Amino acid sequence: MGRNVLLGCGLLVLLVGAWFGKLLVDAGQFRSLEPHFEGSCRLVAGAVGPEDLTIHPEKRVAYVSAADRRAAMAGHPVPGAIFAYALDDPEAGLVNLTPDAGVDFQPHGISLWLGPDGREVLFVVNHPPDGHGGRRHQILVFDLEEERLVRRPLAFEDDELLVMPNDIVGVGPDRFYLTNTHANPPGPGQTTETYLRLARARVVYFDGERFHAAIEGLQFPNGINASADGRRIYVAGTTGQGLRVYEREPASGALHFLREIATGSGLDNVEVAADGALWIGAHPKMLAVSAHGKDPSLLSPSQVLRVDPESGEVREVYLDLGKAISASSVAAVNGDRLLIGQIFGDGILDCSMAPARSGVPGA
């Protein structure tokens, strides 16, 4: 009996060791990284935690969502902000469009929807801190009027399907999809989901009146975006390290899985370029992200991938060990300009790419 117990314990130790080893390998812990970028970059400070950003394709203005996550985790949240950054006037720096926001404004994922009639709408995922208004998650909607953000009185909140909303994509003036990274709120259930890489999370659709579960059984869906014609939805997976492509029915909002593109990296937010290519901020060493969040001196490598959703080609455009920018979360392009955001640090990286690498004809 004692021998069987020892054998059982030994087998359990081996299984746990094998699982942990695979976790480290899949998370990129032993991955060899060579920094590279064909171009030049400069850090534009003034926004702490610029986790998401998107570029207006015509005005060449980037809208940046920023929140000091380290301050929030320490129990001392400070007001977040939406910033504007003019690509044609970079010396103007980051301009706060929400200077009167209170501590209950902690923006996360954002999406700029442009209507055929010229209407411009900014959707924002917001996470009010505990004890501020009694709400954990909100979807705020702003109309962009003469370079001002005018918040609509309505806010989508407290729905049972808003479990862990992360990123959002608008497909109409009051319709959108969003990712829930997990099926469980913070706690043991969420930790189990993450480290066992359980496929239980959802993408949710709001049809203008109510929320629906659009996709079930996903593994840590993070970034989400749509093609220019609105007929494709792209979902970036972090622990799954893949980009999923869906066909969208505009009338009903239903999504149909088409393909998954393996990337070999922990994907964060995804942006769509003028040529239809997808630009993604990624984490080649995923376990380094949480360590960096706790200790700024522990750098987390930053990576930018360009993905062709039609051919499935994946190209690494930018890689840094975390010295120029740490824990990159988003990358957006306009012509030969590349902007990179980060989860925790101060500032966005403004890069000029060599013409051959921008992927934009004539750039």
Foldseek 3Di string as FASTA:
>chain_A
DVVVVVVVVVVVVVVVVVLVVVLQVLLLVVPDDDFDFFFDKDWQFDAFFQQDWEADQPQQKIWTWGFAVLCLVVVRGFATFIWIAHPVCNVVTTHGQCVPGGSQFRWAAKEWDADPVGWIKIWTWGAGRPPPPNFGIKIWMFTQDPNHTHTDPDIDTDDLLPAAWHYWYDPDNQKIKTWRQDPHHPDPVVVCCQSVQWQATFIWIDPNDDIDGQDGRHGRWAAWYAFPVRQWIWTFAFSVQKIWIWGADVVPRHTHTDDIQHDSWGWHYWDAAPVRKIKTKTFSNNVQQVVCSNPVVSFTKIWIWIADPPVSDIDTNGIDRRPNHGAWHGWYDHQQWIWTGHRGGTGIMIIGHDNVRRPDPPD
